[in-house]
């Protein structure tokens, strides 16, 4: 009986342990990025540090308008003390174009009294235009060809 009880606690107790620092920041980043993917900006904004919110909204103002986010995936995580760097792969399309673009963004997170918050976000690599201030333009090779019309009399 004691063996059965000990075995049960051995299996149950690890699942009751508090999540690690890395697990907490990964969960916060996942919630923010998936929230953005599905257009839940207000929910995502709760994960952004107060001093970063205006810039965050400015960077993402074209999402779900001129840009459609197809998928997001956390592809890198580096946690040290109260800071974390997270890399997010984003698959996206320009409005009215079927080509899927792929970009990686770098997010810097800080632990503020037990709550992880996004403090900065920058384009890292891949297709440019994910945070563009201008209306995203299609790649040159997908534009309609130009023809010269000559009238013969």
Protein backbone atom coordinates (compact mmCIF):
# COMPACT_ATOMS: atom_id res chain seq x y z
CA UNK A 1 0.00 0.00 0.00
CA UNK A 2 2.79 2.44 0.89
CA UNK A 3 4.48 1.68 -2.41
CA UNK A 4 1.30 2.45 -4.33
CA UNK A 5 0.83 5.72 -2.43
CA UNK A 6 4.46 6.74 -3.00
CA UNK A 7 4.22 5.92 -6.71
CA UNK A 8 1.05 7.98 -7.04
CA UNK A 9 2.65 11.05 -5.42
CA UNK A 10 5.76 10.62 -7.54
CA UNK A 11 3.63 10.85 -10.67
CA UNK A 12 1.30 13.63 -9.49
CA UNK A 13 3.62 16.06 -7.69
CA UNK A 14 5.77 17.08 -10.69
CA UNK A 15 2.63 18.16 -12.53
CA UNK A 16 1.69 20.40 -9.57
CA UNK A 17 5.01 22.26 -9.56
CA UNK A 18 4.96 25.95 -10.42
CA UNK A 19 5.83 26.71 -14.04
CA UNK A 20 9.40 27.74 -14.72
CA UNK A 21 10.44 31.22 -15.80
CA UNK A 22 10.86 30.01 -19.37
CA UNK A 23 7.43 28.37 -19.39
CA UNK A 24 5.75 31.55 -18.12
CA UNK A 25 7.35 33.84 -20.73
CA UNK A 26 6.67 31.30 -23.48
CA UNK A 27 3.00 31.18 -22.49
CA UNK A 28 2.75 34.98 -22.41
CA UNK A 29 4.38 35.26 -25.86
CA UNK A 30 2.13 32.56 -27.25
CA UNK A 31 -1.00 34.30 -25.94
CA UNK A 32 0.08 37.67 -27.36
CA UNK A 33 1.03 36.36 -30.80
CA UNK A 34 -1.92 34.01 -31.27
CA UNK A 35 -4.22 36.80 -30.05
CA UNK A 36 -2.79 39.09 -32.72
CA UNK A 37 -3.15 36.42 -35.38
CA UNK A 38 -6.88 36.20 -34.75
CA UNK A 39 -7.40 39.96 -34.38
CA UNK A 40 -7.72 40.11 -30.59
CA UNK A 41 -5.56 43.22 -30.25
CA UNK A 42 -7.10 44.29 -26.92
CA UNK A 43 -6.23 40.95 -25.33
CA UNK A 44 -2.72 41.00 -26.82
CA UNK A 45 -2.20 44.56 -25.58
CA UNK A 46 -2.54 43.35 -21.99
CA UNK A 47 0.83 41.58 -22.49
CA UNK A 48 2.58 44.77 -23.69
CA UNK A 49 4.41 47.08 -21.28
CA UNK A 50 2.62 50.43 -20.85
CA UNK A 51 5.48 52.48 -22.34
CA UNK A 52 5.52 50.26 -25.47
CA UNK A 53 1.78 50.16 -26.24
CA UNK A 54 1.59 53.15 -28.59
CA UNK A 55 4.51 51.90 -30.70
CA UNK A 56 3.10 48.37 -30.66
CA UNK A 57 -0.25 49.60 -32.01
CA UNK A 58 1.53 51.65 -34.65
CA UNK A 59 3.58 48.64 -35.82
CA UNK A 60 0.55 46.37 -36.05
CA UNK A 61 -1.96 48.82 -37.53
CA UNK A 62 -1.88 47.14 -40.99
CA UNK A 63 -2.51 43.67 -39.61
CA UNK A 64 -5.96 42.33 -40.52
CA UNK A 65 -6.36 45.13 -43.04
CA UNK A 66 -3.59 45.38 -45.59
CA UNK A 67 -1.93 42.26 -44.18
CA UNK A 68 -3.50 38.94 -43.29
CA UNK A 69 -1.66 36.83 -40.74
CA UNK A 70 -1.80 33.19 -41.78
CA UNK A 71 0.20 31.59 -38.95
CA UNK A 72 2.51 32.38 -36.04
CA UNK A 73 5.03 30.08 -34.39
CA UNK A 74 7.50 30.63 -31.57
CA UNK A 75 10.83 29.48 -33.01
CA UNK A 76 13.39 30.67 -30.45
CA UNK A 77 13.63 31.45 -26.75
CA UNK A 78 16.50 32.71 -24.62
CA UNK A 79 15.78 33.51 -20.96
CA UNK A 80 18.25 35.19 -18.64
CA UNK A 81 17.40 36.66 -15.24
CA UNK A 82 14.40 38.99 -15.75
CA UNK A 83 14.68 39.27 -19.55
CA UNK A 84 13.87 37.02 -22.46
CA UNK A 85 14.40 37.14 -26.20
CA UNK A 86 11.78 35.38 -28.27
CA UNK A 87 11.80 34.87 -32.02
CA UNK A 88 8.45 34.49 -33.78
CA UNK A 89 7.98 33.19 -37.32
CA UNK A 90 5.01 34.82 -39.01
CA UNK A 91 3.41 33.66 -42.25
CA UNK A 92 1.44 36.49 -43.84
CA UNK A 93 -0.14 37.69 -47.05
CA UNK A 94 -0.69 41.08 -48.55
CA UNK A 95 -4.32 41.94 -49.15
CA UNK A 96 -5.44 40.90 -52.64
CA UNK A 97 -2.37 38.66 -53.22
CA UNK A 98 -2.13 34.94 -52.70
CA UNK A 99 1.65 34.76 -52.16
CA UNK A 100 2.54 33.81 -48.60
CA UNK A 101 5.39 35.75 -47.06
CA UNK A 102 7.50 34.61 -44.14
CA UNK A 103 9.14 36.91 -41.60
CA UNK A 104 10.82 36.43 -38.25
CA UNK A 105 10.44 39.08 -35.58
CA UNK A 106 12.48 39.48 -32.42
CA UNK A 107 10.56 40.25 -29.24
CA UNK A 108 12.20 41.38 -26.01
CA UNK A 109 10.26 40.53 -22.84
CA UNK A 110 10.82 41.59 -19.22
CA UNK A 111 9.49 40.15 -15.99
CA UNK A 112 7.63 42.93 -14.14
CA UNK A 113 6.82 41.65 -10.66
CA UNK A 114 5.99 38.15 -11.82
CA UNK A 115 4.22 39.17 -15.04
CA UNK A 116 6.06 38.94 -18.35
CA UNK A 117 5.51 41.92 -20.66
CA UNK A 118 6.67 42.74 -24.17
CA UNK A 119 9.03 45.74 -24.10
CA UNK A 120 10.28 45.82 -27.71
CA UNK A 121 9.73 44.17 -31.06
CA UNK A 122 11.74 44.39 -34.29
CA UNK A 123 11.93 42.78 -37.71
CA UNK A 124 14.73 40.17 -37.67
CA UNK A 125 14.75 38.43 -41.06
CA UNK A 126 12.72 37.13 -43.97
CA UNK A 127 10.27 39.02 -46.13
CA UNK A 128 10.16 42.72 -45.38
CA UNK A 129 6.95 44.68 -45.01
CA UNK A 130 5.55 43.04 -41.90
CA UNK A 131 5.86 46.32 -39.94
CA UNK A 132 5.99 48.72 -42.88
CA UNK A 133 4.76 52.27 -42.39
CA UNK A 134 3.85 52.34 -46.06
CA UNK A 135 1.15 50.35 -47.75
CA UNK A 136 2.83 47.03 -48.52
CA UNK A 137 3.62 46.62 -52.20
CA UNK A 138 3.60 43.28 -53.99
CA UNK A 139 6.96 41.89 -55.10
CA UNK A 140 8.03 43.15 -58.52
CA UNK A 141 7.70 39.72 -60.18
CA UNK A 142 3.97 39.39 -59.34
CA UNK A 143 2.83 42.64 -60.89
CA UNK A 144 0.95 42.49 -64.18
CA UNK A 145 3.24 42.87 -67.21
CA UNK A 146 3.09 46.14 -69.11
CA UNK A 147 2.31 46.02 -72.80
CA UNK A 148 2.91 48.66 -75.41
CA UNK A 149 0.03 49.05 -77.80
CA UNK A 150 0.78 50.16 -81.32
CA UNK A 151 -2.04 51.22 -83.58
CA UNK A 152 -1.55 50.25 -87.22
CA UNK A 153 -3.50 52.21 -89.85
